[in-house]
Full PDB file with SEQRES, HELIX, SHEET, SSBOND, CRYST1, ORIGX, SCALE, CONECT and MASTER records, all heavy atoms in Angstrom:
SEQRES   1 A   31  LEU GLY ASP ASN GLY ALA VAL VAL ASN PHE ALA ILE ILE          
SEQRES   2 A   31  GLN LEU THR ALA GLN ILE VAL ALA ARG HIS ASN ARG PHE          
SEQRES   3 A   31  PRO GLU GLY PHE GLY                                          
HELIX    1 AA1 HIS A   23  ARG A   25  5                                   3    
CRYST1    1.000    1.000    1.000  90.00  90.00  90.00 P 1           1          
ORIGX1      1.000000  0.000000  0.000000        0.00000                         
ORIGX2      0.000000  1.000000  0.000000        0.00000                         
ORIGX3      0.000000  0.000000  1.000000        0.00000                         
SCALE1      1.000000  0.000000  0.000000        0.00000                         
SCALE2      0.000000  1.000000  0.000000        0.00000                         
SCALE3      0.000000  0.000000  1.000000        0.00000                         
ATOM      1  N   LEU A   1     308.543  29.744 125.985  1.00  0.00           N  
ATOM      2  CA  LEU A   1     309.457  28.765 125.405  1.00  0.00           C  
ATOM      3  C   LEU A   1     310.855  29.367 125.244  1.00  0.00           C  
ATOM      4  O   LEU A   1     311.864  28.686 125.452  1.00  0.00           O  
ATOM      5  CB  LEU A   1     308.931  28.295 124.046  1.00  0.00           C  
ATOM      6  CG  LEU A   1     307.664  27.429 124.069  1.00  0.00           C  
ATOM      7  CD1 LEU A   1     307.109  27.266 122.657  1.00  0.00           C  
ATOM      8  CD2 LEU A   1     307.946  26.064 124.694  1.00  0.00           C  
ATOM      9  N   GLY A   2     310.888  30.638 124.884  1.00  0.00           N  
ATOM     10  CA  GLY A   2     312.164  31.329 124.738  1.00  0.00           C  
ATOM     11  C   GLY A   2     313.094  30.645 123.750  1.00  0.00           C  
ATOM     12  O   GLY A   2     312.659  30.064 122.756  1.00  0.00           O  
ATOM     13  N   ASP A   3     314.398  30.678 124.049  1.00  0.00           N  
ATOM     14  CA  ASP A   3     315.401  30.082 123.160  1.00  0.00           C  
ATOM     15  C   ASP A   3     315.674  28.620 123.491  1.00  0.00           C  
ATOM     16  O   ASP A   3     316.221  27.888 122.660  1.00  0.00           O  
ATOM     17  CB  ASP A   3     316.725  30.865 123.250  1.00  0.00           C  
ATOM     18  CG  ASP A   3     316.586  32.293 122.751  1.00  0.00           C  
ATOM     19  OD1 ASP A   3     315.766  32.511 121.834  1.00  0.00           O  
ATOM     20  OD2 ASP A   3     317.290  33.178 123.285  1.00  0.00           O  
ATOM     21  N   ASN A   4     315.321  28.211 124.703  1.00  0.00           N  
ATOM     22  CA  ASN A   4     315.688  26.867 125.154  1.00  0.00           C  
ATOM     23  C   ASN A   4     314.504  25.928 125.363  1.00  0.00           C  
ATOM     24  O   ASN A   4     314.684  24.797 125.795  1.00  0.00           O  
ATOM     25  CB  ASN A   4     316.478  26.956 126.474  1.00  0.00           C  
ATOM     26  CG  ASN A   4     317.719  27.815 126.349  1.00  0.00           C  
ATOM     27  OD1 ASN A   4     318.487  27.648 125.404  1.00  0.00           O  
ATOM     28  ND2 ASN A   4     317.896  28.740 127.282  1.00  0.00           N  
ATOM     29  N   GLY A   5     313.307  26.396 125.056  1.00  0.00           N  
ATOM     30  CA  GLY A   5     312.123  25.594 125.317  1.00  0.00           C  
ATOM     31  C   GLY A   5     311.777  24.623 124.206  1.00  0.00           C  
ATOM     32  O   GLY A   5     312.407  24.598 123.145  1.00  0.00           O  
ATOM     33  N   ALA A   6     310.737  23.820 124.468  1.00  0.00           N  
ATOM     34  CA  ALA A   6     310.318  22.825 123.482  1.00  0.00           C  
ATOM     35  C   ALA A   6     308.861  22.456 123.691  1.00  0.00           C  
ATOM     36  O   ALA A   6     308.312  22.571 124.794  1.00  0.00           O  
ATOM     37  CB  ALA A   6     311.184  21.569 123.591  1.00  0.00           C  
ATOM     38  N   VAL A   7     308.259  22.002 122.597  1.00  0.00           N  
ATOM     39  CA  VAL A   7     306.919  21.419 122.631  1.00  0.00           C  
ATOM     40  C   VAL A   7     307.104  19.937 122.346  1.00  0.00           C  
ATOM     41  O   VAL A   7     307.564  19.564 121.255  1.00  0.00           O  
ATOM     42  CB  VAL A   7     305.997  22.051 121.569  1.00  0.00           C  
ATOM     43  CG1 VAL A   7     304.593  21.457 121.667  1.00  0.00           C  
ATOM     44  CG2 VAL A   7     305.950  23.566 121.711  1.00  0.00           C  
ATOM     45  N   VAL A   8     306.817  19.110 123.321  1.00  0.00           N  
ATOM     46  CA  VAL A   8     307.055  17.673 123.174  1.00  0.00           C  
ATOM     47  C   VAL A   8     306.028  17.093 122.211  1.00  0.00           C  
ATOM     48  O   VAL A   8     304.816  17.154 122.468  1.00  0.00           O  
ATOM     49  CB  VAL A   8     306.982  16.953 124.530  1.00  0.00           C  
ATOM     50  CG1 VAL A   8     307.268  15.463 124.351  1.00  0.00           C  
ATOM     51  CG2 VAL A   8     307.987  17.568 125.504  1.00  0.00           C  
ATOM     52  N   ASN A   9     306.514  16.524 121.120  1.00  0.00           N  
ATOM     53  CA  ASN A   9     305.651  16.036 120.048  1.00  0.00           C  
ATOM     54  C   ASN A   9     305.081  14.652 120.382  1.00  0.00           C  
ATOM     55  O   ASN A   9     305.370  13.651 119.716  1.00  0.00           O  
ATOM     56  CB  ASN A   9     306.426  15.999 118.733  1.00  0.00           C  
ATOM     57  CG  ASN A   9     305.511  15.818 117.529  1.00  0.00           C  
ATOM     58  OD1 ASN A   9     304.289  15.940 117.638  1.00  0.00           O  
ATOM     59  ND2 ASN A   9     306.097  15.516 116.390  1.00  0.00           N  
ATOM     60  N   PHE A  10     304.286  14.626 121.447  1.00  0.00           N  
ATOM     61  CA  PHE A  10     303.661  13.387 121.916  1.00  0.00           C  
ATOM     62  C   PHE A  10     302.387  13.782 122.656  1.00  0.00           C  
ATOM     63  O   PHE A  10     302.447  14.431 123.700  1.00  0.00           O  
ATOM     64  CB  PHE A  10     304.623  12.639 122.841  1.00  0.00           C  
ATOM     65  CG  PHE A  10     304.089  11.338 123.376  1.00  0.00           C  
ATOM     66  CD1 PHE A  10     303.708  10.315 122.523  1.00  0.00           C  
ATOM     67  CD2 PHE A  10     303.980  11.142 124.751  1.00  0.00           C  
ATOM     68  CE1 PHE A  10     303.223   9.108 123.021  1.00  0.00           C  
ATOM     69  CE2 PHE A  10     303.506   9.946 125.263  1.00  0.00           C  
ATOM     70  CZ  PHE A  10     303.129   8.921 124.391  1.00  0.00           C  
ATOM     71  N   ALA A  11     301.251  13.431 122.081  1.00  0.00           N  
ATOM     72  CA  ALA A  11     299.973  13.851 122.665  1.00  0.00           C  
ATOM     73  C   ALA A  11     299.725  13.130 123.990  1.00  0.00           C  
ATOM     74  O   ALA A  11     299.675  11.903 124.028  1.00  0.00           O  
ATOM     75  CB  ALA A  11     298.835  13.556 121.698  1.00  0.00           C  
ATOM     76  N   ILE A  12     299.578  13.900 125.058  1.00  0.00           N  
ATOM     77  CA  ILE A  12     299.288  13.273 126.348  1.00  0.00           C  
ATOM     78  C   ILE A  12     297.786  13.224 126.613  1.00  0.00           C  
ATOM     79  O   ILE A  12     297.325  12.535 127.523  1.00  0.00           O  
ATOM     80  CB  ILE A  12     299.995  14.011 127.505  1.00  0.00           C  
ATOM     81  CG1 ILE A  12     299.507  15.470 127.593  1.00  0.00           C  
ATOM     82  CG2 ILE A  12     301.495  13.962 127.331  1.00  0.00           C  
ATOM     83  CD1 ILE A  12     299.989  16.181 128.844  1.00  0.00           C  
ATOM     84  N   ILE A  13     297.034  13.962 125.795  1.00  0.00           N  
ATOM     85  CA  ILE A  13     295.585  14.035 125.989  1.00  0.00           C  
ATOM     86  C   ILE A  13     294.959  14.560 124.700  1.00  0.00           C  
ATOM     87  O   ILE A  13     295.618  15.258 123.928  1.00  0.00           O  
ATOM     88  CB  ILE A  13     295.260  14.993 127.180  1.00  0.00           C  
ATOM     89  CG1 ILE A  13     293.806  14.906 127.613  1.00  0.00           C  
ATOM     90  CG2 ILE A  13     295.641  16.416 126.847  1.00  0.00           C  
ATOM     91  CD1 ILE A  13     293.512  15.731 128.876  1.00  0.00           C  
ATOM     92  N   GLN A  14     293.716  14.170 124.448  1.00  0.00           N  
ATOM     93  CA  GLN A  14     292.950  14.768 123.350  1.00  0.00           C  
ATOM     94  C   GLN A  14     291.866  15.625 123.992  1.00  0.00           C  
ATOM     95  O   GLN A  14     291.045  15.132 124.769  1.00  0.00           O  
ATOM     96  CB  GLN A  14     292.318  13.697 122.460  1.00  0.00           C  
ATOM     97  CG  GLN A  14     293.322  12.892 121.650  1.00  0.00           C  
ATOM     98  CD  GLN A  14     294.080  13.721 120.633  1.00  0.00           C  
ATOM     99  OE1 GLN A  14     293.515  14.625 120.023  1.00  0.00           O  
ATOM    100  NE2 GLN A  14     295.351  13.417 120.444  1.00  0.00           N  
ATOM    101  N   LEU A  15     291.891  16.896 123.696  1.00  0.00           N  
ATOM    102  CA  LEU A  15     290.955  17.837 124.318  1.00  0.00           C  
ATOM    103  C   LEU A  15     289.657  17.946 123.527  1.00  0.00           C  
ATOM    104  O   LEU A  15     289.626  17.727 122.317  1.00  0.00           O  
ATOM    105  CB  LEU A  15     291.613  19.209 124.434  1.00  0.00           C  
ATOM    106  CG  LEU A  15     292.845  19.228 125.354  1.00  0.00           C  
ATOM    107  CD1 LEU A  15     293.682  20.463 125.103  1.00  0.00           C  
ATOM    108  CD2 LEU A  15     292.418  19.155 126.817  1.00  0.00           C  
ATOM    109  N   THR A  16     288.606  18.282 124.219  1.00  0.00           N  
ATOM    110  CA  THR A  16     287.313  18.477 123.572  1.00  0.00           C  
ATOM    111  C   THR A  16     286.671  19.772 124.042  1.00  0.00           C  
ATOM    112  O   THR A  16     287.006  20.309 125.095  1.00  0.00           O  
ATOM    113  CB  THR A  16     286.328  17.326 123.886  1.00  0.00           C  
ATOM    114  OG1 THR A  16     286.043  17.308 125.302  1.00  0.00           O  
ATOM    115  CG2 THR A  16     286.875  15.983 123.450  1.00  0.00           C  
ATOM    116  N   ALA A  17     285.742  20.255 123.225  1.00  0.00           N  
ATOM    117  CA  ALA A  17     284.839  21.339 123.618  1.00  0.00           C  
ATOM    118  C   ALA A  17     283.450  20.716 123.647  1.00  0.00           C  
ATOM    119  O   ALA A  17     283.084  19.979 122.723  1.00  0.00           O  
ATOM    120  CB  ALA A  17     284.897  22.479 122.618  1.00  0.00           C  
ATOM    121  N   GLN A  18     282.698  20.962 124.700  1.00  0.00           N  
ATOM    122  CA  GLN A  18     281.395  20.317 124.849  1.00  0.00           C  
ATOM    123  C   GLN A  18     280.304  21.352 125.118  1.00  0.00           C  
ATOM    124  O   GLN A  18     280.529  22.335 125.829  1.00  0.00           O  
ATOM    125  CB  GLN A  18     281.440  19.280 125.971  1.00  0.00           C  
ATOM    126  CG  GLN A  18     282.495  18.200 125.732  1.00  0.00           C  
ATOM    127  CD  GLN A  18     282.463  17.071 126.736  1.00  0.00           C  
ATOM    128  OE1 GLN A  18     281.463  16.838 127.424  1.00  0.00           O  
ATOM    129  NE2 GLN A  18     283.559  16.317 126.818  1.00  0.00           N  
ATOM    130  N   ILE A  19     279.150  21.102 124.529  1.00  0.00           N  
ATOM    131  CA  ILE A  19     277.979  21.943 124.769  1.00  0.00           C  
ATOM    132  C   ILE A  19     277.132  21.264 125.833  1.00  0.00           C  
ATOM    133  O   ILE A  19     276.667  20.139 125.637  1.00  0.00           O  
ATOM    134  CB  ILE A  19     277.157  22.143 123.485  1.00  0.00           C  
ATOM    135  CG1 ILE A  19     278.018  22.812 122.402  1.00  0.00           C  
ATOM    136  CG2 ILE A  19     275.907  22.986 123.767  1.00  0.00           C  
ATOM    137  CD1 ILE A  19     277.355  22.855 121.040  1.00  0.00           C  
ATOM    138  N   VAL A  20     276.995  21.920 126.961  1.00  0.00           N  
ATOM    139  CA  VAL A  20     276.224  21.372 128.085  1.00  0.00           C  
ATOM    140  C   VAL A  20     274.925  22.166 128.197  1.00  0.00           C  
ATOM    141  O   VAL A  20     274.951  23.389 128.321  1.00  0.00           O  
ATOM    142  CB  VAL A  20     277.004  21.478 129.406  1.00  0.00           C  
ATOM    143  CG1 VAL A  20     276.244  20.767 130.526  1.00  0.00           C  
ATOM    144  CG2 VAL A  20     278.407  20.893 129.253  1.00  0.00           C  
ATOM    145  N   ALA A  21     273.795  21.452 128.125  1.00  0.00           N  
ATOM    146  CA  ALA A  21     272.497  22.138 128.138  1.00  0.00           C  
ATOM    147  C   ALA A  21     271.621  21.654 129.294  1.00  0.00           C  
ATOM    148  O   ALA A  21     271.691  20.493 129.698  1.00  0.00           O  
ATOM    149  CB  ALA A  21     271.768  21.887 126.812  1.00  0.00           C  
ATOM    150  N   ARG A  22     270.816  22.566 129.810  1.00  0.00           N  
ATOM    151  CA  ARG A  22     269.757  22.174 130.762  1.00  0.00           C  
ATOM    152  C   ARG A  22     268.620  21.614 129.911  1.00  0.00           C  
ATOM    153  O   ARG A  22     267.862  22.377 129.316  1.00  0.00           O  
ATOM    154  CB  ARG A  22     269.291  23.392 131.557  1.00  0.00           C  
ATOM    155  CG  ARG A  22     270.312  23.895 132.565  1.00  0.00           C  
ATOM    156  CD  ARG A  22     269.807  25.164 133.254  1.00  0.00           C  
ATOM    157  NE  ARG A  22     270.582  25.446 134.455  1.00  0.00           N  
ATOM    158  CZ  ARG A  22     270.318  24.962 135.670  1.00  0.00           C  
ATOM    159  NH1 ARG A  22     269.271  24.161 135.838  1.00  0.00           N  
ATOM    160  NH2 ARG A  22     271.075  25.258 136.705  1.00  0.00           N  
ATOM    161  N   HIS A  23     268.517  20.295 129.838  1.00  0.00           N  
ATOM    162  CA  HIS A  23     267.638  19.684 128.834  1.00  0.00           C  
ATOM    163  C   HIS A  23     266.165  20.034 128.995  1.00  0.00           C  
ATOM    164  O   HIS A  23     265.415  20.050 128.013  1.00  0.00           O  
ATOM    165  CB  HIS A  23     267.836  18.166 128.795  1.00  0.00           C  
ATOM    166  CG  HIS A  23     267.592  17.456 130.090  1.00  0.00           C  
ATOM    167  ND1 HIS A  23     266.345  17.137 130.534  1.00  0.00           N  
ATOM    168  CD2 HIS A  23     268.468  16.992 131.020  1.00  0.00           C  
ATOM    169  CE1 HIS A  23     266.445  16.506 131.690  1.00  0.00           C  
ATOM    170  NE2 HIS A  23     267.724  16.402 132.014  1.00  0.00           N  
ATOM    171  N   ASN A  24     265.740  20.370 130.211  1.00  0.00           N  
ATOM    172  CA  ASN A  24     264.317  20.717 130.380  1.00  0.00           C  
ATOM    173  C   ASN A  24     263.997  22.123 129.870  1.00  0.00           C  
ATOM    174  O   ASN A  24     262.840  22.530 129.861  1.00  0.00           O  
ATOM    175  CB  ASN A  24     263.893  20.580 131.851  1.00  0.00           C  
ATOM    176  CG  ASN A  24     264.641  21.537 132.774  1.00  0.00           C  
ATOM    177  OD1 ASN A  24     265.603  22.183 132.362  1.00  0.00           O  
ATOM    178  ND2 ASN A  24     264.211  21.606 134.024  1.00  0.00           N  
ATOM    179  N   ARG A  25     265.021  22.841 129.415  1.00  0.00           N  
ATOM    180  CA  ARG A  25     264.802  24.175 128.862  1.00  0.00           C  
ATOM    181  C   ARG A  25     264.729  24.162 127.333  1.00  0.00           C  
ATOM    182  O   ARG A  25     264.576  25.202 126.708  1.00  0.00           O  
ATOM    183  CB  ARG A  25     265.958  25.106 129.300  1.00  0.00           C  
ATOM    184  CG  ARG A  25     266.071  25.307 130.805  1.00  0.00           C  
ATOM    185  CD  ARG A  25     265.004  26.225 131.329  1.00  0.00           C  
ATOM    186  NE  ARG A  25     265.202  27.590 130.856  1.00  0.00           N  
ATOM    187  CZ  ARG A  25     264.230  28.492 130.744  1.00  0.00           C  
ATOM    188  NH1 ARG A  25     262.981  28.158 131.031  1.00  0.00           N  
ATOM    189  NH2 ARG A  25     264.498  29.715 130.329  1.00  0.00           N  
ATOM    190  N   PHE A  26     264.848  22.962 126.761  1.00  0.00           N  
ATOM    191  CA  PHE A  26     264.886  22.851 125.301  1.00  0.00           C  
ATOM    192  C   PHE A  26     263.841  21.853 124.799  1.00  0.00           C  
ATOM    193  O   PHE A  26     263.425  20.950 125.533  1.00  0.00           O  
ATOM    194  CB  PHE A  26     266.288  22.419 124.849  1.00  0.00           C  
ATOM    195  CG  PHE A  26     267.328  23.469 125.093  1.00  0.00           C  
ATOM    196  CD1 PHE A  26     268.004  23.539 126.314  1.00  0.00           C  
ATOM    197  CD2 PHE A  26     267.630  24.405 124.116  1.00  0.00           C  
ATOM    198  CE1 PHE A  26     268.954  24.516 126.555  1.00  0.00           C  
ATOM    199  CE2 PHE A  26     268.580  25.389 124.333  1.00  0.00           C  
ATOM    200  CZ  PHE A  26     269.245  25.446 125.557  1.00  0.00           C  
ATOM    201  N   PRO A  27     263.414  22.008 123.541  1.00  0.00           N  
ATOM    202  CA  PRO A  27     262.392  21.128 122.980  1.00  0.00           C  
ATOM    203  C   PRO A  27     262.874  19.679 122.873  1.00  0.00           C  
ATOM    204  O   PRO A  27     264.083  19.406 122.834  1.00  0.00           O  
ATOM    205  CB  PRO A  27     262.142  21.714 121.572  1.00  0.00           C  
ATOM    206  CG  PRO A  27     262.741  23.069 121.589  1.00  0.00           C  
ATOM    207  CD  PRO A  27     263.851  23.037 122.580  1.00  0.00           C  
ATOM    208  N   GLU A  28     261.929  18.761 122.812  1.00  0.00           N  
ATOM    209  CA  GLU A  28     262.237  17.351 122.613  1.00  0.00           C  
ATOM    210  C   GLU A  28     263.050  17.177 121.330  1.00  0.00           C  
ATOM    211  O   GLU A  28     262.726  17.748 120.288  1.00  0.00           O  
ATOM    212  CB  GLU A  28     260.934  16.555 122.494  1.00  0.00           C  
ATOM    213  CG  GLU A  28     261.121  15.052 122.433  1.00  0.00           C  
ATOM    214  CD  GLU A  28     261.514  14.455 123.760  1.00  0.00           C  
ATOM    215  OE1 GLU A  28     261.215  15.067 124.811  1.00  0.00           O  
ATOM    216  OE2 GLU A  28     262.125  13.372 123.743  1.00  0.00           O  
ATOM    217  N   GLY A  29     264.110  16.420 121.406  1.00  0.00           N  
ATOM    218  CA  GLY A  29     264.937  16.156 120.234  1.00  0.00           C  
ATOM    219  C   GLY A  29     266.041  17.166 119.994  1.00  0.00           C  
ATOM    220  O   GLY A  29     266.896  16.958 119.120  1.00  0.00           O  
ATOM    221  N   PHE A  30     266.051  18.256 120.750  1.00  0.00           N  
ATOM    222  CA  PHE A  30     267.067  19.286 120.541  1.00  0.00           C  
ATOM    223  C   PHE A  30     268.476  18.719 120.732  1.00  0.00           C  
ATOM    224  O   PHE A  30     269.374  18.965 119.921  1.00  0.00           O  
ATOM    225  CB  PHE A  30     266.856  20.458 121.503  1.00  0.00           C  
ATOM    226  CG  PHE A  30     267.907  21.534 121.391  1.00  0.00           C  
ATOM    227  CD1 PHE A  30     267.738  22.589 120.505  1.00  0.00           C  
ATOM    228  CD2 PHE A  30     269.067  21.489 122.157  1.00  0.00           C  
ATOM    229  CE1 PHE A  30     268.714  23.578 120.382  1.00  0.00           C  
ATOM    230  CE2 PHE A  30     270.051  22.468 122.035  1.00  0.00           C  
ATOM    231  CZ  PHE A  30     269.867  23.519 121.148  1.00  0.00           C  
ATOM    232  N   GLY A  31     268.657  17.960 121.811  1.00  0.00           N  
ATOM    233  CA  GLY A  31     269.979  17.433 122.129  1.00  0.00           C  
ATOM    234  C   GLY A  31     270.554  16.578 121.016  1.00  0.00           C  
ATOM    235  O   GLY A  31     271.717  16.737 120.634  1.00  0.00           O  
TER     236      GLY A  31                                                      
MASTER        0    0    0    1    0    0    0    6  235    1    0    3          
END                                                                             
């Protein structure tokens, strides 16, 4: 950003973190 940069105060996206599981490796109801 330095001296001339900026963070535009307008959300262009909402980010997520997701847990992806191989469902056949886990007990019923785990998901």
